[in-house]
Amino acid sequence: MTSQALSALRQAGRIASAARAFGAERIVAGAKVRDVCESVEEEIFRLGGAPAFPAQSSRNEIAAHYCPAPDDETTYADGDLAKIDVGVHVDGWVVDTATTVAVGGGAGQRLVDAAAAALDAAIAIAGPGVPVRSLSEAIERVIRGRGLQPMRNLCGHGVDRWTVHCPPPIPNSVDGSSARLAAGSVVAIEPFATEGRGDVTEAGHAEVFRVPIPPAEAEGLDADVVAAISGFHGLPFSRRQLKRFPTAHVEQTLKTLWERKAMAAYPPLSEAGGRPVAQAEHSLYVSAEGVEVLTL
């Protein structure tokens, strides 16, 4: 990795850490989920970065991918277990980080603590050449040791330039992976802890999308909307990030791109048993000498 790329990653990591804390502080009973996510994105821009994906805040049994729509009036309530998932890029170099807030305190804090402890345990053994399986073992051991379940079909992942998800997957429970962490790579480790079964299923309406660039199937669509989508450089985006355009134009563009199989959509992911889920996540740069946590 070049020094320029590493400098951009470090800057992205500092911005993501600050934006994550900024968002977590605003997750209180009565606050709108949409307001929190939009304020996180504004803070990312203010600090000199750009969102690598739209800020998301999934609550309770929704483990991931809840992204409020432009007209979403949902508010946080005492007792919510609220995740805030933040992605930042600088010059395309991506980091990914998340934390969970037990709104008003209460029983959900044990899940928050378990996810955070599992993340710490995985980071403690990470390094060049370390088997991914070892990270999965550490995550699973910590979460199960607290009487909880890891989410088996959610996992950490590599990140790269203009890319949020790439190999290697880093499962939260042991599987047959033979992959090892490679020097010069960046990985996001993200344990999820639950009282439930430990599986997620798709649930609800997608508000997160991704279109490869250039979108070859854009003929006949609103040129301004297509240009805005192209401006995400293949990174995920949301309807909220297109709200400056007429709603009908946005909807027709998304509908047509989907029908032409030119767009991916990511609906919310819910714990299959309806039980609450907590998440913790950091991005790490793996060097020849060890690891650097970029999003502390």
Protein backbone atom coordinates (compact mmCIF):
# COMPACT_ATOMS: atom_id res chain seq x y z
CA MET A 1 0.00 0.00 0.00
CA THR A 2 1.33 3.44 -0.88
CA SER A 3 1.97 6.08 1.75
CA GLN A 4 -0.65 8.27 0.06
CA ALA A 5 -3.30 5.55 0.34
CA LEU A 6 -2.43 4.85 3.96
CA SER A 7 -2.62 8.55 4.78
CA ALA A 8 -6.10 8.71 3.21
CA LEU A 9 -7.19 5.64 5.19
CA ARG A 10 -5.94 7.15 8.43
CA GLN A 11 -7.78 10.36 7.73
CA ALA A 12 -10.96 8.42 6.88
CA GLY A 13 -10.56 6.45 10.10
CA ARG A 14 -10.28 9.60 12.24
CA ILE A 15 -13.34 11.09 10.58
CA ALA A 16 -15.34 7.87 10.94
CA SER A 17 -14.46 7.60 14.63
CA ALA A 18 -15.57 11.17 15.28
CA ALA A 19 -18.77 10.75 13.23
CA ARG A 20 -19.64 7.49 15.00
CA ALA A 21 -19.28 9.18 18.41
CA PHE A 22 -21.21 12.21 17.13
CA GLY A 23 -24.09 9.98 16.07
CA ALA A 24 -24.09 7.84 19.22
CA GLU A 25 -24.40 10.94 21.40
CA ARG A 26 -27.54 11.92 19.51
CA ILE A 27 -29.30 8.58 19.92
CA VAL A 28 -31.71 9.47 22.70
CA ALA A 29 -35.38 8.84 23.31
CA GLY A 30 -37.48 11.09 21.09
CA ALA A 31 -34.78 11.81 18.50
CA LYS A 32 -35.65 10.98 14.89
CA VAL A 33 -33.59 8.21 13.34
CA ARG A 34 -33.47 10.18 10.09
CA ASP A 35 -32.15 13.29 11.83
CA VAL A 36 -29.35 11.30 13.47
CA CYS A 37 -28.29 9.64 10.21
CA GLU A 38 -28.38 12.90 8.27
CA SER A 39 -26.41 14.72 10.97
CA VAL A 40 -23.75 11.99 10.85
CA GLU A 41 -23.41 12.42 7.09
CA GLU A 42 -23.17 16.20 7.46
CA GLU A 43 -20.46 15.75 10.10
CA ILE A 44 -18.49 13.48 7.78
CA PHE A 45 -18.52 16.16 5.08
CA ARG A 46 -17.67 18.89 7.60
CA LEU A 47 -14.60 16.93 8.71
CA GLY A 48 -13.34 16.54 5.16
CA GLY A 49 -14.52 13.05 4.18
CA ALA A 50 -17.49 11.63 2.31
CA PRO A 51 -19.88 8.81 3.25
CA ALA A 52 -18.77 5.43 1.92
CA PHE A 53 -22.40 4.38 2.34
CA PRO A 54 -25.46 6.12 3.78
CA ALA A 55 -25.44 6.26 7.58
CA GLN A 56 -27.70 3.56 9.00
CA SER A 57 -29.28 3.04 12.40
CA SER A 58 -30.92 -0.33 12.96
CA ARG A 59 -32.90 -0.86 16.15
CA ASN A 60 -33.65 -3.88 18.32
CA GLU A 61 -34.15 -7.05 16.23
CA ILE A 62 -33.08 -5.25 13.05
CA ALA A 63 -29.39 -6.11 12.90
CA ALA A 64 -28.31 -4.07 9.88
CA HIS A 65 -29.25 -2.02 6.80
CA TYR A 66 -32.03 0.11 8.30
CA CYS A 67 -31.60 3.38 6.43
CA PRO A 68 -34.36 5.95 6.98
CA ALA A 69 -36.26 7.16 3.94
CA PRO A 70 -36.54 10.90 3.23
CA ASP A 71 -39.95 11.03 4.95
CA ASP A 72 -39.22 8.54 7.78
CA GLU A 73 -40.53 9.91 11.09
CA THR A 74 -39.39 6.99 13.28
CA THR A 75 -37.99 8.02 16.66
CA TYR A 76 -35.85 6.25 19.23
CA ALA A 77 -37.48 5.11 22.48
CA ASP A 78 -36.19 4.11 25.89
CA GLY A 79 -35.28 0.43 25.78
CA ASP A 80 -34.20 0.50 22.14
CA LEU A 81 -30.95 -1.23 21.21
CA ALA A 82 -29.82 1.16 18.48
CA LYS A 83 -26.89 0.55 16.16
CA ILE A 84 -25.15 3.37 14.29
CA ASP A 85 -23.18 2.13 11.26
CA VAL A 86 -20.85 4.62 9.59
CA GLY A 87 -18.74 4.39 6.45
CA VAL A 88 -16.27 7.06 5.35
CA HIS A 89 -13.97 7.41 2.39
CA VAL A 90 -11.19 9.82 1.55
CA ASP A 91 -10.23 9.74 -2.12
CA GLY A 92 -12.08 6.42 -2.36
CA TRP A 93 -10.22 4.74 0.51
CA VAL A 94 -12.95 3.21 2.68
CA VAL A 95 -13.32 2.51 6.39
CA ASP A 96 -16.36 1.03 8.14
CA THR A 97 -17.25 1.30 11.83
CA ALA A 98 -20.24 0.83 14.14
CA THR A 99 -21.37 0.89 17.73
CA THR A 100 -24.58 0.21 19.65
CA VAL A 101 -26.43 2.38 22.17
CA ALA A 102 -28.77 0.94 24.80
CA VAL A 103 -31.21 3.85 24.84
CA GLY A 104 -32.02 4.73 28.42
CA GLY A 105 -29.77 1.93 29.69
CA GLY A 106 -31.30 -1.33 30.83
CA ALA A 107 -30.92 -4.99 29.95
CA GLY A 108 -29.67 -4.36 26.42
CA GLN A 109 -26.33 -3.18 27.77
CA ARG A 110 -25.20 -6.79 28.20
CA LEU A 111 -25.44 -7.28 24.45
CA VAL A 112 -23.58 -4.02 23.81
CA ASP A 113 -20.78 -5.13 26.14
CA ALA A 114 -20.61 -8.61 24.59
CA ALA A 115 -20.24 -7.29 21.04
CA ALA A 116 -17.56 -4.81 22.14
CA ALA A 117 -15.64 -7.47 24.08
CA ALA A 118 -15.76 -9.85 21.12
CA LEU A 119 -14.39 -7.12 18.87
CA ASP A 120 -11.55 -6.45 21.31
CA ALA A 121 -10.74 -10.15 21.48
CA ALA A 122 -10.53 -10.47 17.70
CA ILE A 123 -8.38 -7.35 17.34
CA ALA A 124 -6.02 -8.62 20.02
CA ILE A 125 -5.03 -11.63 17.92
CA ALA A 126 -5.22 -10.06 14.45
CA GLY A 127 -2.06 -9.75 12.41
CA PRO A 128 -0.48 -10.66 9.07
CA GLY A 129 -0.87 -14.35 8.31
CA VAL A 130 -3.35 -14.94 11.14
CA PRO A 131 -6.10 -17.36 10.08
CA VAL A 132 -9.53 -15.76 9.75
CA ARG A 133 -10.79 -18.83 11.59
CA SER A 134 -8.88 -17.67 14.70
CA LEU A 135 -10.75 -14.35 14.69
CA SER A 136 -14.06 -16.20 14.34
CA GLU A 137 -13.14 -18.49 17.24
CA ALA A 138 -12.34 -15.49 19.45
CA ILE A 139 -15.60 -13.73 18.59
CA GLU A 140 -17.71 -16.83 19.13
CA ARG A 141 -15.97 -17.75 22.38
CA VAL A 142 -16.56 -14.35 23.95
CA ILE A 143 -20.20 -14.02 22.89
CA ARG A 144 -21.18 -17.58 23.82
CA GLY A 145 -19.27 -17.20 27.08
CA ARG A 146 -21.73 -14.49 28.03
CA GLY A 147 -24.74 -16.67 27.34
CA LEU A 148 -25.48 -15.09 23.98
CA GLN A 149 -25.32 -16.09 20.31
CA PRO A 150 -23.16 -14.66 17.51
CA MET A 151 -24.92 -13.84 14.27
CA ARG A 152 -23.90 -16.73 12.04
CA ASN A 153 -24.90 -15.25 8.69
CA LEU A 154 -23.47 -11.77 9.22
CA CYS A 155 -19.74 -11.26 8.99
CA GLY A 156 -16.85 -8.85 8.82
CA HIS A 157 -15.13 -8.27 5.51
CA GLY A 158 -12.29 -6.73 3.62
CA VAL A 159 -12.54 -3.15 2.36
CA ASP A 160 -10.69 -1.53 -0.53
CA ARG A 161 -10.69 1.58 -2.66
CA TRP A 162 -14.28 2.42 -3.68
CA THR A 163 -15.27 -0.96 -2.20
CA VAL A 164 -17.08 -1.56 1.09
CA HIS A 165 -17.20 -5.37 0.91
CA CYS A 166 -14.51 -7.63 -0.52
CA PRO A 167 -12.68 -10.80 0.59
CA PRO A 168 -11.96 -12.12 3.08
CA PRO A 169 -15.26 -12.62 4.84
CA ILE A 170 -14.72 -12.74 8.62
CA PRO A 171 -17.55 -14.84 10.12
CA ASN A 172 -18.77 -14.35 13.66
CA SER A 173 -18.79 -18.10 14.24
CA VAL A 174 -16.33 -20.71 13.05
CA ASP A 175 -16.77 -22.06 9.54
CA GLY A 176 -14.49 -23.82 7.06
CA SER A 177 -12.51 -20.74 6.06
CA SER A 178 -8.86 -21.28 5.19
CA ALA A 179 -8.19 -17.57 4.54
CA ARG A 180 -5.52 -15.61 6.37
CA LEU A 181 -5.15 -11.88 6.95
CA ALA A 182 -2.82 -10.45 4.32
CA ALA A 183 -0.23 -7.75 4.93
CA GLY A 184 -1.21 -4.56 3.14
CA SER A 185 -4.94 -5.21 3.43
CA VAL A 186 -7.74 -3.46 5.33
CA VAL A 187 -10.44 -5.47 7.09
CA ALA A 188 -13.57 -4.57 9.03
CA ILE A 189 -14.30 -6.84 11.98
CA GLU A 190 -17.91 -6.62 13.17
CA PRO A 191 -19.27 -8.97 15.83
CA PHE A 192 -23.04 -9.11 16.33
CA ALA A 193 -24.44 -10.51 19.59
CA THR A 194 -28.04 -11.59 20.22
CA GLU A 195 -30.24 -13.45 22.67
CA GLY A 196 -31.96 -15.09 19.73
CA ARG A 197 -31.17 -17.83 17.22
CA GLY A 198 -28.28 -16.03 15.61
CA ASP A 199 -29.56 -15.84 12.02
CA VAL A 200 -30.93 -12.92 10.05
CA THR A 201 -33.56 -12.75 7.34
CA GLU A 202 -34.51 -9.91 5.02
CA ALA A 203 -37.34 -7.79 6.39
CA GLY A 204 -38.82 -4.60 5.05
CA HIS A 205 -38.29 -2.08 2.30
CA ALA A 206 -34.81 -1.46 0.91
CA GLU A 207 -33.41 2.06 1.20
CA VAL A 208 -29.79 1.17 0.39
CA PHE A 209 -28.78 0.57 -3.23
CA ARG A 210 -25.66 0.11 -5.30
CA VAL A 211 -25.12 0.69 -9.02
CA PRO A 212 -21.84 -0.21 -10.76
CA ILE A 213 -20.26 2.58 -12.74
CA PRO A 214 -20.76 3.62 -15.37
CA PRO A 215 -24.39 2.48 -15.30
CA ALA A 216 -24.54 1.01 -18.81
CA GLU A 217 -28.31 0.46 -18.61
CA ALA A 218 -29.18 4.15 -18.05
CA GLU A 219 -30.54 4.92 -21.53
CA GLY A 220 -33.75 6.92 -21.39
CA LEU A 221 -33.46 7.78 -17.67
CA ASP A 222 -33.24 11.18 -15.98
CA ALA A 223 -29.71 12.32 -16.79
CA ASP A 224 -29.34 14.36 -13.60
CA VAL A 225 -30.36 11.47 -11.34
CA VAL A 226 -28.08 9.07 -13.23
CA ALA A 227 -25.20 11.53 -12.94
CA ALA A 228 -25.77 11.77 -9.17
CA ILE A 229 -25.79 7.99 -8.86
CA SER A 230 -22.60 7.78 -10.92
CA GLY A 231 -21.07 10.26 -8.50
CA PHE A 232 -21.12 7.60 -5.77
CA HIS A 233 -18.45 5.71 -7.77
CA GLY A 234 -20.18 2.37 -7.24
CA LEU A 235 -20.50 2.84 -3.47
CA PRO A 236 -23.89 2.27 -1.79
CA PHE A 237 -26.36 5.16 -1.67
CA SER A 238 -29.89 5.89 -0.46
CA ARG A 239 -33.02 7.73 -1.51
CA ARG A 240 -32.18 10.37 1.12
CA GLN A 241 -29.05 11.23 -0.83
CA LEU A 242 -31.16 11.89 -3.93
CA LYS A 243 -33.89 13.94 -2.26
CA ARG A 244 -32.89 17.13 -4.14
CA PHE A 245 -34.41 15.60 -7.28
CA PRO A 246 -38.15 15.19 -8.00
CA THR A 247 -39.39 12.06 -6.24
CA ALA A 248 -41.06 10.69 -9.36
CA HIS A 249 -37.80 10.96 -11.33
CA VAL A 250 -35.85 9.17 -8.60
CA GLU A 251 -38.41 6.39 -8.28
CA GLN A 252 -38.61 5.82 -12.03
CA THR A 253 -34.83 5.70 -12.28
CA LEU A 254 -34.48 3.21 -9.43
CA LYS A 255 -37.35 1.08 -10.74
CA THR A 256 -35.89 0.92 -14.23
CA LEU A 257 -32.34 0.18 -13.06
CA TRP A 258 -33.73 -2.65 -10.92
CA GLU A 259 -35.77 -4.06 -13.78
CA ARG A 260 -32.71 -3.93 -16.03
CA LYS A 261 -30.72 -5.82 -13.36
CA ALA A 262 -28.34 -2.87 -13.14
CA MET A 263 -28.84 -2.21 -9.42
CA ALA A 264 -28.47 -4.11 -6.15
CA ALA A 265 -30.80 -3.41 -3.22
CA TYR A 266 -30.12 -4.13 0.45
CA PRO A 267 -33.24 -4.45 2.64
CA PRO A 268 -33.07 -4.43 6.46
CA LEU A 269 -31.85 -7.65 8.07
CA SER A 270 -33.83 -8.89 11.06
CA GLU A 271 -32.89 -11.48 13.68
CA ALA A 272 -34.95 -14.52 12.72
CA GLY A 273 -36.38 -15.01 16.20
CA GLY A 274 -37.24 -11.34 16.69
CA ARG A 275 -34.66 -10.86 19.45
CA PRO A 276 -32.51 -7.74 19.86
CA VAL A 277 -29.04 -7.50 18.35
CA ALA A 278 -25.95 -5.43 19.25
CA GLN A 279 -23.04 -4.68 16.91
CA ALA A 280 -19.50 -3.36 17.30
CA GLU A 281 -17.11 -2.72 14.42
CA HIS A 282 -13.67 -1.33 13.64
CA SER A 283 -11.58 -1.22 10.47
CA LEU A 284 -7.95 -2.38 10.73
CA TYR A 285 -4.95 -1.88 8.50
CA VAL A 286 -2.89 -5.07 8.45
CA SER A 287 0.80 -4.27 7.99
CA ALA A 288 3.80 -6.56 7.90
CA GLU A 289 4.45 -5.65 11.53
CA GLY A 290 0.95 -5.99 12.99
CA VAL A 291 -2.36 -4.16 12.87
CA GLU A 292 -3.42 -0.55 13.21
CA VAL A 293 -7.00 0.13 14.28
CA LEU A 294 -8.02 2.94 11.97
CA THR A 295 -11.39 3.78 13.55
CA LEU A 296 -10.57 3.95 17.26
